[in-house]
């Protein structure tokens, strides 16, 4: 069975079902799924995002043995950048880990 089609001002042709769908969207009455399911899905993905952010922002302590002279140089560079030297070092390590700096 062939659907009837209807022409609109810009010469595009839509079926009656498509035009009804457009009207529902414009009226704000369209929902791709029942409201309860939509809320359940939203809550699920909100929890996934929260867990991901927690995992990505969790910090862990790291102990390194570094030459004293290097520490002095690092502190001087950090001071020029206006950062505490430990924050500066963490930033450099992060840039290496995310391949923003190649070694």
C-alpha atoms as a PDB file:
ATOM      1  CA  UNK A   1       0.000   0.000   0.000  1.00  0.00           C
ATOM      2  CA  UNK A   2       1.438   3.326  -1.044  1.00  0.00           C
ATOM      3  CA  UNK A   3       1.312   6.305   1.363  1.00  0.00           C
ATOM      4  CA  UNK A   4      -0.174   9.534   0.111  1.00  0.00           C
ATOM      5  CA  UNK A   5       2.278  12.388  -0.070  1.00  0.00           C
ATOM      6  CA  UNK A   6       1.710  16.082   0.473  1.00  0.00           C
ATOM      7  CA  UNK A   7       3.657  18.965  -1.005  1.00  0.00           C
ATOM      8  CA  UNK A   8       4.790  21.902   1.112  1.00  0.00           C
ATOM      9  CA  UNK A   9       5.836  25.420   0.158  1.00  0.00           C
ATOM     10  CA  UNK A  10       9.471  24.592  -0.643  1.00  0.00           C
ATOM     11  CA  UNK A  11       8.433  21.764  -3.023  1.00  0.00           C
ATOM     12  CA  UNK A  12       9.517  18.944  -0.664  1.00  0.00           C
ATOM     13  CA  UNK A  13       7.110  16.073  -0.319  1.00  0.00           C
ATOM     14  CA  UNK A  14       6.209  14.453   3.015  1.00  0.00           C
ATOM     15  CA  UNK A  15       3.833  11.672   3.948  1.00  0.00           C
ATOM     16  CA  UNK A  16       0.854  12.332   6.207  1.00  0.00           C
ATOM     17  CA  UNK A  17       2.679  10.547   9.083  1.00  0.00           C
ATOM     18  CA  UNK A  18       5.738  12.737   8.631  1.00  0.00           C
ATOM     19  CA  UNK A  19       3.652  15.901   8.644  1.00  0.00           C
ATOM     20  CA  UNK A  20       1.892  14.735  11.829  1.00  0.00           C
ATOM     21  CA  UNK A  21       5.276  14.059  13.420  1.00  0.00           C
ATOM     22  CA  UNK A  22       6.514  17.539  12.448  1.00  0.00           C
ATOM     23  CA  UNK A  23       3.386  19.060  13.974  1.00  0.00           C
ATOM     24  CA  UNK A  24       3.867  17.104  17.234  1.00  0.00           C
ATOM     25  CA  UNK A  25       7.475  18.293  17.462  1.00  0.00           C
ATOM     26  CA  UNK A  26       6.501  21.924  16.807  1.00  0.00           C
ATOM     27  CA  UNK A  27       3.705  21.722  19.409  1.00  0.00           C
ATOM     28  CA  UNK A  28       6.092  20.212  21.969  1.00  0.00           C
ATOM     29  CA  UNK A  29       4.015  17.036  22.228  1.00  0.00           C
ATOM     30  CA  UNK A  30       6.542  14.620  20.751  1.00  0.00           C
ATOM     31  CA  UNK A  31       8.412  12.165  22.949  1.00  0.00           C
ATOM     32  CA  UNK A  32      10.603   9.431  21.445  1.00  0.00           C
ATOM     33  CA  UNK A  33       9.728   7.122  24.342  1.00  0.00           C
ATOM     34  CA  UNK A  34       7.391   7.070  27.343  1.00  0.00           C
ATOM     35  CA  UNK A  35       8.213   9.682  29.981  1.00  0.00           C
ATOM     36  CA  UNK A  36       8.998   7.080  32.681  1.00  0.00           C
ATOM     37  CA  UNK A  37      11.473   5.267  30.429  1.00  0.00           C
ATOM     38  CA  UNK A  38      13.021   8.557  29.344  1.00  0.00           C
ATOM     39  CA  UNK A  39      13.558   9.572  32.997  1.00  0.00           C
ATOM     40  CA  UNK A  40      15.055   6.152  33.777  1.00  0.00           C
ATOM     41  CA  UNK A  41      17.460   6.445  30.834  1.00  0.00           C
ATOM     42  CA  UNK A  42      18.409  10.011  31.817  1.00  0.00           C
ATOM     43  CA  UNK A  43      19.119   8.937  35.415  1.00  0.00           C
ATOM     44  CA  UNK A  44      21.219   5.997  34.207  1.00  0.00           C
ATOM     45  CA  UNK A  45      23.388   8.135  31.920  1.00  0.00           C
ATOM     46  CA  UNK A  46      23.665  10.848  34.567  1.00  0.00           C
ATOM     47  CA  UNK A  47      25.099   8.227  36.962  1.00  0.00           C
ATOM     48  CA  UNK A  48      27.487   6.983  34.259  1.00  0.00           C
ATOM     49  CA  UNK A  49      28.747  10.549  33.715  1.00  0.00           C
ATOM     50  CA  UNK A  50      29.139  11.126  37.467  1.00  0.00           C
ATOM     51  CA  UNK A  51      31.120   7.892  37.883  1.00  0.00           C
ATOM     52  CA  UNK A  52      33.341   8.754  34.918  1.00  0.00           C
ATOM     53  CA  UNK A  53      34.105  12.223  36.264  1.00  0.00           C
ATOM     54  CA  UNK A  54      34.923  10.791  39.709  1.00  0.00           C
ATOM     55  CA  UNK A  55      37.269   8.239  38.149  1.00  0.00           C
ATOM     56  CA  UNK A  56      39.021  10.800  35.945  1.00  0.00           C
ATOM     57  CA  UNK A  57      39.530  13.327  38.739  1.00  0.00           C
ATOM     58  CA  UNK A  58      40.740  10.907  41.412  1.00  0.00           C
ATOM     59  CA  UNK A  59      44.359  11.602  42.377  1.00  0.00           C
ATOM     60  CA  UNK A  60      47.003   9.258  43.681  1.00  0.00           C
ATOM     61  CA  UNK A  61      50.203  10.008  45.505  1.00  0.00           C
ATOM     62  CA  UNK A  62      53.542   9.400  43.787  1.00  0.00           C
ATOM     63  CA  UNK A  63      57.017   9.455  45.318  1.00  0.00           C
ATOM     64  CA  UNK A  64      60.046  10.159  43.128  1.00  0.00           C
ATOM     65  CA  UNK A  65      63.727  10.437  43.789  1.00  0.00           C
ATOM     66  CA  UNK A  66      65.029  13.445  41.869  1.00  0.00           C
ATOM     67  CA  UNK A  67      68.396  15.184  41.807  1.00  0.00           C
ATOM     68  CA  UNK A  68      68.494  18.242  44.096  1.00  0.00           C
ATOM     69  CA  UNK A  69      69.744  20.445  41.282  1.00  0.00           C
ATOM     70  CA  UNK A  70      66.781  19.387  39.111  1.00  0.00           C
ATOM     71  CA  UNK A  71      64.343  20.270  41.894  1.00  0.00           C
ATOM     72  CA  UNK A  72      65.835  23.765  42.120  1.00  0.00           C
ATOM     73  CA  UNK A  73      65.474  24.201  38.355  1.00  0.00           C
ATOM     74  CA  UNK A  74      61.904  22.889  38.377  1.00  0.00           C
ATOM     75  CA  UNK A  75      60.966  25.223  41.239  1.00  0.00           C
ATOM     76  CA  UNK A  76      62.407  28.181  39.314  1.00  0.00           C
ATOM     77  CA  UNK A  77      60.479  27.309  36.153  1.00  0.00           C
ATOM     78  CA  UNK A  78      57.261  26.806  38.164  1.00  0.00           C
ATOM     79  CA  UNK A  79      57.774  30.185  39.826  1.00  0.00           C
ATOM     80  CA  UNK A  80      58.099  31.815  36.385  1.00  0.00           C
ATOM     81  CA  UNK A  81      54.821  30.151  35.369  1.00  0.00           C
ATOM     82  CA  UNK A  82      53.157  31.262  38.598  1.00  0.00           C
ATOM     83  CA  UNK A  83      52.441  27.724  39.790  1.00  0.00           C
ATOM     84  CA  UNK A  84      53.424  25.701  42.832  1.00  0.00           C
ATOM     85  CA  UNK A  85      56.155  23.307  41.710  1.00  0.00           C
ATOM     86  CA  UNK A  86      54.159  20.148  42.578  1.00  0.00           C
ATOM     87  CA  UNK A  87      51.202  21.393  40.534  1.00  0.00           C
ATOM     88  CA  UNK A  88      53.603  22.220  37.705  1.00  0.00           C
ATOM     89  CA  UNK A  89      55.082  18.701  37.789  1.00  0.00           C
ATOM     90  CA  UNK A  90      51.611  17.104  37.926  1.00  0.00           C
ATOM     91  CA  UNK A  91      50.630  19.176  34.886  1.00  0.00           C
ATOM     92  CA  UNK A  92      53.663  18.028  32.909  1.00  0.00           C
ATOM     93  CA  UNK A  93      53.052  14.370  33.849  1.00  0.00           C
ATOM     94  CA  UNK A  94      49.409  14.723  32.788  1.00  0.00           C
ATOM     95  CA  UNK A  95      50.418  16.245  29.445  1.00  0.00           C
ATOM     96  CA  UNK A  96      52.808  13.344  28.825  1.00  0.00           C
ATOM     97  CA  UNK A  97      50.149  10.780  29.829  1.00  0.00           C
ATOM     98  CA  UNK A  98      47.603  12.336  27.447  1.00  0.00           C
ATOM     99  CA  UNK A  99      50.217  12.585  24.672  1.00  0.00           C
ATOM    100  CA  UNK A 100      50.066  16.378  24.518  1.00  0.00           C
ATOM    101  CA  UNK A 101      53.848  16.300  25.045  1.00  0.00           C
ATOM    102  CA  UNK A 102      55.882  13.660  23.247  1.00  0.00           C
ATOM    103  CA  UNK A 103      58.963  12.194  24.899  1.00  0.00           C
END
